[in-house]
């Protein structure tokens, strides 16, 4: 399977499921695990690097008002990579590539329109674990996901303060 991840947390989950070798490209913000830094960057921000927080805020507000996407997908790269799966998010239009940008890009690339897009939406610990299960279902790594989720619950339980 050839996977494109447009979301840093998705990239981490994909790698956690042992699928690093399936990743063919990641977003410009993906930096963990360190191995993903060698992968092609398929997204970019419309905002230039090095802006201060106030300028970023103003530019984001302006882009939202003008209904402009904050992120772009390199369509030529997407076409050449021939992915079997694109993973993105449906939680925040400001934080990462959203489904609208993915759909618009795919519409312009008729030869890759049949690529499934998995949209993650976890906002809580349990929601993120559901997202991990979604990725596992699509990639055939359910057993690995169950193992990792069990480990997370044990770690979370051990981190809770003792109440006597």
Protein backbone atom coordinates (compact mmCIF):
# COMPACT_ATOMS: atom_id res chain seq x y z
CA UNK A 1 0.00 0.00 0.00
CA UNK A 2 1.23 3.50 -0.90
CA UNK A 3 0.12 6.09 1.69
CA UNK A 4 0.22 9.90 1.63
CA UNK A 5 -0.22 11.48 5.06
CA UNK A 6 -1.29 15.11 5.21
CA UNK A 7 -1.36 15.28 8.99
CA UNK A 8 1.52 14.92 11.48
CA UNK A 9 -0.51 12.87 13.97
CA UNK A 10 -1.63 10.53 11.19
CA UNK A 11 1.99 10.07 10.14
CA UNK A 12 2.86 9.09 13.70
CA UNK A 13 -0.04 6.63 13.85
CA UNK A 14 0.87 5.11 10.49
CA UNK A 15 4.43 4.57 11.70
CA UNK A 16 3.17 3.23 15.04
CA UNK A 17 1.31 0.57 13.07
CA UNK A 18 4.57 -0.46 11.40
CA UNK A 19 3.73 1.15 8.07
CA UNK A 20 6.65 3.55 7.63
CA UNK A 21 7.69 1.75 4.44
CA UNK A 22 4.20 2.39 3.02
CA UNK A 23 4.52 6.17 3.35
CA UNK A 24 5.38 7.78 0.03
CA UNK A 25 4.91 11.44 1.09
CA UNK A 26 3.99 13.49 4.13
CA UNK A 27 2.93 17.04 4.96
CA UNK A 28 5.44 19.84 5.33
CA UNK A 29 4.85 19.75 9.10
CA UNK A 30 5.55 16.04 9.66
CA UNK A 31 8.70 15.60 11.72
CA UNK A 32 8.15 12.51 13.88
CA UNK A 33 9.32 9.87 13.96
CA UNK A 34 12.62 11.29 12.70
CA UNK A 35 12.73 8.86 9.74
CA UNK A 36 9.84 10.69 8.05
CA UNK A 37 12.04 13.74 7.55
CA UNK A 38 13.59 11.93 4.59
CA UNK A 39 10.22 11.58 2.80
CA UNK A 40 8.94 13.94 0.11
CA UNK A 41 6.87 16.90 1.36
CA UNK A 42 3.64 17.02 -0.58
CA UNK A 43 2.07 20.06 1.11
CA UNK A 44 3.01 23.66 1.69
CA UNK A 45 1.55 26.62 3.53
CA UNK A 46 0.45 29.78 1.74
CA UNK A 47 2.13 31.70 4.58
CA UNK A 48 5.84 32.39 4.25
CA UNK A 49 8.22 31.07 6.90
CA UNK A 50 9.45 33.32 9.68
CA UNK A 51 6.34 35.41 10.32
CA UNK A 52 5.68 36.59 13.86
CA UNK A 53 2.53 35.40 15.67
CA UNK A 54 0.55 38.60 15.09
CA UNK A 55 1.25 38.57 11.34
CA UNK A 56 0.33 34.88 11.13
CA UNK A 57 -2.95 35.61 12.91
CA UNK A 58 -3.76 38.46 10.52
CA UNK A 59 -2.88 36.41 7.43
CA UNK A 60 -4.94 33.44 8.61
CA UNK A 61 -7.95 35.67 9.30
CA UNK A 62 -7.56 37.25 5.87
CA UNK A 63 -7.32 33.86 4.12
CA UNK A 64 -10.38 32.55 5.97
CA UNK A 65 -12.39 35.68 5.08
CA UNK A 66 -11.38 35.29 1.44
CA UNK A 67 -12.20 31.57 1.57
CA UNK A 68 -8.63 30.66 0.57
CA UNK A 69 -7.08 27.40 1.72
CA UNK A 70 -4.10 27.83 4.01
CA UNK A 71 -2.36 24.79 2.57
CA UNK A 72 -1.62 23.49 -0.89
CA UNK A 73 -1.04 19.97 -2.16
CA UNK A 74 1.53 19.38 -4.89
CA UNK A 75 -0.73 17.80 -7.50
CA UNK A 76 2.10 16.81 -9.84
CA UNK A 77 3.81 14.95 -7.00
CA UNK A 78 0.54 13.33 -5.95
CA UNK A 79 -0.02 12.11 -9.51
CA UNK A 80 3.51 10.72 -9.81
CA UNK A 81 3.37 8.92 -6.45
CA UNK A 82 0.18 7.02 -7.35
CA UNK A 83 -1.00 6.60 -3.74
CA UNK A 84 -3.49 3.96 -2.66
CA UNK A 85 -4.62 6.05 0.32
CA UNK A 86 -4.59 9.69 1.39
CA UNK A 87 -4.96 10.43 5.10
CA UNK A 88 -6.10 13.90 6.21
CA UNK A 89 -8.22 15.51 8.92
CA UNK A 90 -11.66 17.01 9.29
CA UNK A 91 -11.19 18.84 12.58
CA UNK A 92 -9.56 22.21 11.88
CA UNK A 93 -9.18 24.14 8.63
CA UNK A 94 -6.32 26.17 10.11
CA UNK A 95 -4.23 23.36 11.60
CA UNK A 96 -3.62 21.14 8.57
CA UNK A 97 -4.82 20.28 5.07
CA UNK A 98 -8.59 19.86 5.17
CA UNK A 99 -10.89 17.64 3.15
CA UNK A 100 -11.92 20.49 0.86
CA UNK A 101 -8.35 21.06 -0.29
CA UNK A 102 -7.91 17.32 -0.89
CA UNK A 103 -11.16 17.15 -2.89
CA UNK A 104 -10.24 20.21 -4.98
CA UNK A 105 -6.81 18.78 -5.73
CA UNK A 106 -8.24 15.41 -6.73
CA UNK A 107 -10.83 17.09 -8.99
CA UNK A 108 -7.96 18.68 -10.93
CA UNK A 109 -6.25 15.28 -11.28
CA UNK A 110 -8.73 13.02 -13.09
CA UNK A 111 -6.24 10.14 -13.17
CA UNK A 112 -6.10 9.98 -9.34
CA UNK A 113 -9.71 10.72 -8.41
CA UNK A 114 -10.37 7.16 -7.29
CA UNK A 115 -7.81 7.31 -4.46
CA UNK A 116 -9.61 6.79 -1.15
CA UNK A 117 -9.27 9.58 1.41
CA UNK A 118 -9.40 8.68 5.08
CA UNK A 119 -10.55 11.64 7.17
CA UNK A 120 -9.53 11.59 10.84
CA UNK A 121 -11.56 13.55 13.39
CA UNK A 122 -10.35 12.60 16.87
CA UNK A 123 -10.43 15.45 19.38
CA UNK A 124 -10.08 13.43 22.58
CA UNK A 125 -7.85 10.56 23.68
CA UNK A 126 -10.59 8.09 22.81
CA UNK A 127 -11.22 9.84 19.49
CA UNK A 128 -7.55 9.59 18.56
CA UNK A 129 -7.61 5.89 19.37
CA UNK A 130 -10.68 5.54 17.11
CA UNK A 131 -8.64 7.24 14.37
CA UNK A 132 -5.85 4.72 14.95
CA UNK A 133 -8.41 1.94 14.51
CA UNK A 134 -9.69 3.54 11.29
CA UNK A 135 -6.19 3.57 9.84
CA UNK A 136 -5.70 -0.02 10.99
CA UNK A 137 -8.95 -1.17 9.36
CA UNK A 138 -7.99 0.36 6.01
CA UNK A 139 -4.39 -0.90 6.12
CA UNK A 140 -4.99 -4.38 7.51
CA UNK A 141 -3.09 -3.76 10.74
CA UNK A 142 -5.94 -4.25 13.22
CA UNK A 143 -3.96 -6.62 15.44
CA UNK A 144 -1.10 -4.12 15.78
CA UNK A 145 -3.59 -1.33 16.57
CA UNK A 146 -5.27 -3.41 19.28
CA UNK A 147 -1.86 -4.12 20.80
CA UNK A 148 -0.86 -0.43 20.76
CA UNK A 149 -4.23 0.75 22.11
CA UNK A 150 -3.98 -1.74 24.98
CA UNK A 151 -0.52 -0.38 25.78
CA UNK A 152 -1.78 3.22 25.74
CA UNK A 153 -4.57 2.40 28.18
CA UNK A 154 -2.11 0.67 30.53
CA UNK A 155 0.22 3.70 30.37
CA UNK A 156 -2.65 6.09 30.94
CA UNK A 157 -3.90 4.07 33.91
CA UNK A 158 -0.42 3.93 35.43
CA UNK A 159 -0.08 7.69 35.02
CA UNK A 160 -3.24 8.34 37.06
CA UNK A 161 -2.61 9.42 40.66
CA UNK A 162 -3.46 6.82 43.30
CA UNK A 163 -6.65 7.57 45.19
CA UNK A 164 -7.03 5.96 48.57
